Amino acid sequence: MAEEHDEKFDEKEMEKREEKSPEEKSWEEKNQRDPLSTVVWGAILIWAGLVFLASTTGLLGNFTTRISDIPGLQFLGQISGAWGLICIGAAVIILIEILVRFLVPAYRRPVLGSFILAMVFLGIGLGNLWNWNVAWALILIVLGVSFVTRSLRRR
């Protein structure tokens, strides 16, 4: 009788250990509900790794020099190093996410926060190309307009 009790106790203990913690459950549930966000952040990390690798090996300098020789892309020669390129790439990836969310009904959700984040990344990446005093004023105007239109749309 004592052996049966011990076996049942051991089985219950094994089941408890195999159960996932609440943090693991919530992460998996979120990933299943919205896999696009996970893919986007993974793509941003891959992009950052590739840019850092290119910078470390010296390929980034060669690339920006050659690409800035192409008509219409001269501004790329003014990007401030690896971090600027990472921020621009992250902004482009997030803007692609926003486009997918608009086009694919299964992934629809509010995108204002993602859009703001993309604009911040883009602003940091292209920081040498524009006047920040004007940029911050435009950012505040866009935010204000989006809040007003959102509140009017709810009514």
C-alpha atoms as a PDB file:
ATOM      1  CA  MET A   1       0.000   0.000   0.000  1.00  0.00           C
ATOM      2  CA  ALA A   2       2.827   2.377   0.830  1.00  0.00           C
ATOM      3  CA  GLU A   3       4.506   1.558  -2.469  1.00  0.00           C
ATOM      4  CA  GLU A   4       1.349   2.505  -4.429  1.00  0.00           C
ATOM      5  CA  HIS A   5       1.170   5.784  -2.566  1.00  0.00           C
ATOM      6  CA  ASP A   6       4.829   6.493  -3.339  1.00  0.00           C
ATOM      7  CA  GLU A   7       4.342   5.691  -7.043  1.00  0.00           C
ATOM      8  CA  LYS A   8       1.323   8.008  -7.313  1.00  0.00           C
ATOM      9  CA  PHE A   9       3.229  10.714  -5.476  1.00  0.00           C
ATOM     10  CA  ASP A  10       6.212  10.278  -7.810  1.00  0.00           C
ATOM     11  CA  GLU A  11       3.952  10.442 -10.883  1.00  0.00           C
ATOM     12  CA  LYS A  12       2.328  13.649  -9.656  1.00  0.00           C
ATOM     13  CA  GLU A  13       5.724  15.183  -8.932  1.00  0.00           C
ATOM     14  CA  MET A  14       6.936  14.297 -12.447  1.00  0.00           C
ATOM     15  CA  GLU A  15       3.798  15.861 -13.962  1.00  0.00           C
ATOM     16  CA  LYS A  16       4.356  19.048 -11.987  1.00  0.00           C
ATOM     17  CA  ARG A  17       7.960  19.280 -13.153  1.00  0.00           C
ATOM     18  CA  GLU A  18       6.939  18.720 -16.765  1.00  0.00           C
ATOM     19  CA  GLU A  19       4.292  21.448 -16.572  1.00  0.00           C
ATOM     20  CA  LYS A  20       5.398  24.771 -17.943  1.00  0.00           C
ATOM     21  CA  SER A  21       5.692  27.880 -15.839  1.00  0.00           C
ATOM     22  CA  PRO A  22       3.143  30.682 -16.341  1.00  0.00           C
ATOM     23  CA  GLU A  23       5.776  32.761 -18.169  1.00  0.00           C
ATOM     24  CA  GLU A  24       6.473  29.931 -20.625  1.00  0.00           C
ATOM     25  CA  LYS A  25       2.758  29.366 -21.181  1.00  0.00           C
ATOM     26  CA  SER A  26       2.033  33.029 -21.826  1.00  0.00           C
ATOM     27  CA  TRP A  27       5.013  33.315 -24.244  1.00  0.00           C
ATOM     28  CA  GLU A  28       3.857  30.283 -26.232  1.00  0.00           C
ATOM     29  CA  GLU A  29       0.241  31.479 -26.258  1.00  0.00           C
ATOM     30  CA  LYS A  30       1.303  34.916 -27.491  1.00  0.00           C
ATOM     31  CA  ASN A  31       3.494  33.346 -30.167  1.00  0.00           C
ATOM     32  CA  GLN A  32       0.594  31.187 -31.333  1.00  0.00           C
ATOM     33  CA  ARG A  33      -1.804  34.167 -31.373  1.00  0.00           C
ATOM     34  CA  ASP A  34       0.608  36.516 -33.167  1.00  0.00           C
ATOM     35  CA  PRO A  35       3.540  34.746 -34.836  1.00  0.00           C
ATOM     36  CA  LEU A  36       4.175  37.770 -37.065  1.00  0.00           C
ATOM     37  CA  SER A  37       5.628  39.803 -34.187  1.00  0.00           C
ATOM     38  CA  THR A  38       8.034  36.999 -33.349  1.00  0.00           C
ATOM     39  CA  VAL A  39       9.133  36.756 -36.977  1.00  0.00           C
ATOM     40  CA  VAL A  40       9.605  40.531 -37.210  1.00  0.00           C
ATOM     41  CA  TRP A  41      11.771  40.759 -34.091  1.00  0.00           C
ATOM     42  CA  GLY A  42      13.753  37.726 -35.222  1.00  0.00           C
ATOM     43  CA  ALA A  43      14.323  39.390 -38.601  1.00  0.00           C
ATOM     44  CA  ILE A  44      15.498  42.579 -36.868  1.00  0.00           C
ATOM     45  CA  LEU A  45      18.002  40.589 -34.793  1.00  0.00           C
ATOM     46  CA  ILE A  46      19.251  38.762 -37.898  1.00  0.00           C
ATOM     47  CA  TRP A  47      19.603  42.096 -39.731  1.00  0.00           C
ATOM     48  CA  ALA A  48      21.545  43.600 -36.820  1.00  0.00           C
ATOM     49  CA  GLY A  49      23.846  40.573 -36.725  1.00  0.00           C
ATOM     50  CA  LEU A  50      24.497  40.767 -40.462  1.00  0.00           C
ATOM     51  CA  VAL A  51      25.277  44.478 -40.301  1.00  0.00           C
ATOM     52  CA  PHE A  52      27.642  44.018 -37.340  1.00  0.00           C
ATOM     53  CA  LEU A  53      29.342  41.134 -39.151  1.00  0.00           C
ATOM     54  CA  ALA A  54      29.748  43.253 -42.286  1.00  0.00           C
ATOM     55  CA  SER A  55      31.099  46.116 -40.196  1.00  0.00           C
ATOM     56  CA  THR A  56      33.583  43.881 -38.393  1.00  0.00           C
ATOM     57  CA  THR A  57      34.891  42.353 -41.612  1.00  0.00           C
ATOM     58  CA  GLY A  58      35.165  45.717 -43.388  1.00  0.00           C
ATOM     59  CA  LEU A  59      32.508  44.918 -45.978  1.00  0.00           C
ATOM     60  CA  LEU A  60      30.153  47.614 -44.713  1.00  0.00           C
ATOM     61  CA  GLY A  61      32.500  50.470 -45.633  1.00  0.00           C
ATOM     62  CA  ASN A  62      33.012  49.063 -49.127  1.00  0.00           C
ATOM     63  CA  PHE A  63      29.280  48.587 -49.591  1.00  0.00           C
ATOM     64  CA  THR A  64      28.300  52.104 -48.532  1.00  0.00           C
ATOM     65  CA  THR A  65      31.024  53.602 -50.722  1.00  0.00           C
ATOM     66  CA  ARG A  66      29.868  51.685 -53.794  1.00  0.00           C
ATOM     67  CA  ILE A  67      26.146  52.143 -53.215  1.00  0.00           C
ATOM     68  CA  SER A  68      26.530  55.912 -52.720  1.00  0.00           C
ATOM     69  CA  ASP A  69      27.964  56.113 -56.257  1.00  0.00           C
ATOM     70  CA  ILE A  70      24.574  55.078 -57.688  1.00  0.00           C
ATOM     71  CA  PRO A  71      22.473  58.108 -58.754  1.00  0.00           C
ATOM     72  CA  GLY A  72      19.668  58.736 -56.288  1.00  0.00           C
ATOM     73  CA  LEU A  73      21.324  56.793 -53.464  1.00  0.00           C
ATOM     74  CA  GLN A  74      24.028  59.284 -52.524  1.00  0.00           C
ATOM     75  CA  PHE A  75      22.356  59.880 -49.159  1.00  0.00           C
ATOM     76  CA  LEU A  76      23.322  56.340 -48.075  1.00  0.00           C
ATOM     77  CA  GLY A  77      26.945  57.475 -47.862  1.00  0.00           C
ATOM     78  CA  GLN A  78      25.929  59.805 -45.015  1.00  0.00           C
ATOM     79  CA  ILE A  79      24.446  57.093 -42.800  1.00  0.00           C
ATOM     80  CA  SER A  80      26.301  57.032 -39.509  1.00  0.00           C
ATOM     81  CA  GLY A  81      27.882  53.584 -39.422  1.00  0.00           C
ATOM     82  CA  ALA A  82      26.460  50.235 -38.414  1.00  0.00           C
ATOM     83  CA  TRP A  83      23.910  51.574 -35.930  1.00  0.00           C
ATOM     84  CA  GLY A  84      22.382  53.877 -38.511  1.00  0.00           C
ATOM     85  CA  LEU A  85      22.028  51.045 -40.986  1.00  0.00           C
ATOM     86  CA  ILE A  86      20.570  48.757 -38.307  1.00  0.00           C
ATOM     87  CA  CYS A  87      17.963  51.383 -37.407  1.00  0.00           C
ATOM     88  CA  ILE A  88      17.007  51.951 -41.047  1.00  0.00           C
ATOM     89  CA  GLY A  89      16.705  48.195 -41.639  1.00  0.00           C
ATOM     90  CA  ALA A  90      14.611  47.763 -38.478  1.00  0.00           C
ATOM     91  CA  ALA A  91      12.310  50.573 -39.644  1.00  0.00           C
ATOM     92  CA  VAL A  92      11.878  48.940 -43.048  1.00  0.00           C
ATOM     93  CA  ILE A  93      11.139  45.541 -41.454  1.00  0.00           C
ATOM     94  CA  ILE A  94       8.537  47.098 -39.129  1.00  0.00           C
ATOM     95  CA  LEU A  95       6.939  48.971 -42.038  1.00  0.00           C
ATOM     96  CA  ILE A  96       6.685  45.655 -43.915  1.00  0.00           C
ATOM     97  CA  GLU A  97       4.996  44.188 -40.813  1.00  0.00           C
ATOM     98  CA  ILE A  98       2.475  47.048 -40.856  1.00  0.00           C
ATOM     99  CA  LEU A  99       1.768  46.425 -44.532  1.00  0.00           C
ATOM    100  CA  VAL A 100       1.218  42.705 -43.870  1.00  0.00           C
ATOM    101  CA  ARG A 101      -1.126  43.543 -40.983  1.00  0.00           C
ATOM    102  CA  PHE A 102      -3.191  45.753 -43.307  1.00  0.00           C
ATOM    103  CA  LEU A 103      -3.306  43.196 -46.131  1.00  0.00           C
ATOM    104  CA  VAL A 104      -3.758  39.904 -44.245  1.00  0.00           C
ATOM    105  CA  PRO A 105      -6.947  39.795 -42.145  1.00  0.00           C
ATOM    106  CA  ALA A 106      -5.623  37.037 -39.868  1.00  0.00           C
ATOM    107  CA  TYR A 107      -2.843  39.352 -38.603  1.00  0.00           C
ATOM    108  CA  ARG A 108      -4.870  42.550 -38.228  1.00  0.00           C
ATOM    109  CA  ARG A 109      -4.372  44.544 -35.069  1.00  0.00           C
ATOM    110  CA  PRO A 110      -3.655  48.181 -34.190  1.00  0.00           C
ATOM    111  CA  VAL A 111      -0.380  49.361 -35.727  1.00  0.00           C
ATOM    112  CA  LEU A 112       0.046  52.912 -34.443  1.00  0.00           C
ATOM    113  CA  GLY A 113       2.700  51.896 -31.910  1.00  0.00           C
ATOM    114  CA  SER A 114       4.600  49.941 -34.538  1.00  0.00           C
ATOM    115  CA  PHE A 115       4.415  52.899 -36.905  1.00  0.00           C
ATOM    116  CA  ILE A 116       5.774  55.266 -34.259  1.00  0.00           C
ATOM    117  CA  LEU A 117       8.599  52.842 -33.477  1.00  0.00           C
ATOM    118  CA  ALA A 118       9.431  52.547 -37.189  1.00  0.00           C
ATOM    119  CA  MET A 119       9.543  56.343 -37.526  1.00  0.00           C
ATOM    120  CA  VAL A 120      11.815  56.639 -34.487  1.00  0.00           C
ATOM    121  CA  PHE A 121      14.178  54.018 -35.933  1.00  0.00           C
ATOM    122  CA  LEU A 122      14.093  55.757 -39.296  1.00  0.00           C
ATOM    123  CA  GLY A 123      14.781  59.112 -37.658  1.00  0.00           C
ATOM    124  CA  ILE A 124      17.756  57.714 -35.764  1.00  0.00           C
ATOM    125  CA  GLY A 125      19.113  55.994 -38.857  1.00  0.00           C
ATOM    126  CA  LEU A 126      18.766  59.050 -41.069  1.00  0.00           C
ATOM    127  CA  GLY A 127      19.693  61.493 -38.303  1.00  0.00           C
ATOM    128  CA  ASN A 128      22.544  63.078 -40.264  1.00  0.00           C
ATOM    129  CA  LEU A 129      20.256  63.941 -43.171  1.00  0.00           C
ATOM    130  CA  TRP A 130      17.669  66.191 -41.557  1.00  0.00           C
ATOM    131  CA  ASN A 131      17.169  68.837 -38.941  1.00  0.00           C
ATOM    132  CA  TRP A 132      15.905  67.272 -35.700  1.00  0.00           C
ATOM    133  CA  ASN A 133      14.097  70.446 -34.635  1.00  0.00           C
ATOM    134  CA  VAL A 134      11.822  70.084 -37.641  1.00  0.00           C
ATOM    135  CA  ALA A 135      11.587  66.296 -37.266  1.00  0.00           C
ATOM    136  CA  TRP A 136      10.379  66.395 -33.644  1.00  0.00           C
ATOM    137  CA  ALA A 137       7.767  69.020 -34.519  1.00  0.00           C
ATOM    138  CA  LEU A 138       6.492  66.829 -37.364  1.00  0.00           C
ATOM    139  CA  ILE A 139       6.434  63.758 -35.116  1.00  0.00           C
ATOM    140  CA  LEU A 140       4.329  65.619 -32.531  1.00  0.00           C
ATOM    141  CA  ILE A 141       1.939  66.833 -35.235  1.00  0.00           C
ATOM    142  CA  VAL A 142       1.506  63.311 -36.655  1.00  0.00           C
ATOM    143  CA  LEU A 143       0.889  61.881 -33.176  1.00  0.00           C
ATOM    144  CA  GLY A 144      -1.663  64.571 -32.386  1.00  0.00           C
ATOM    145  CA  VAL A 145      -3.517  64.053 -35.663  1.00  0.00           C
ATOM    146  CA  SER A 146      -3.572  60.282 -35.127  1.00  0.00           C
ATOM    147  CA  PHE A 147      -5.009  60.677 -31.609  1.00  0.00           C
ATOM    148  CA  VAL A 148      -7.695  63.094 -32.806  1.00  0.00           C
ATOM    149  CA  THR A 149      -8.732  60.933 -35.766  1.00  0.00           C
ATOM    150  CA  ARG A 150      -8.792  57.811 -33.592  1.00  0.00           C
ATOM    151  CA  SER A 151     -11.043  59.483 -31.029  1.00  0.00           C
ATOM    152  CA  LEU A 152     -13.376  60.833 -33.724  1.00  0.00           C
ATOM    153  CA  ARG A 153     -13.546  57.436 -35.419  1.00  0.00           C
ATOM    154  CA  ARG A 154     -14.659  55.742 -32.173  1.00  0.00           C
ATOM    155  CA  ARG A 155     -17.686  58.006 -31.896  1.00  0.00           C
END
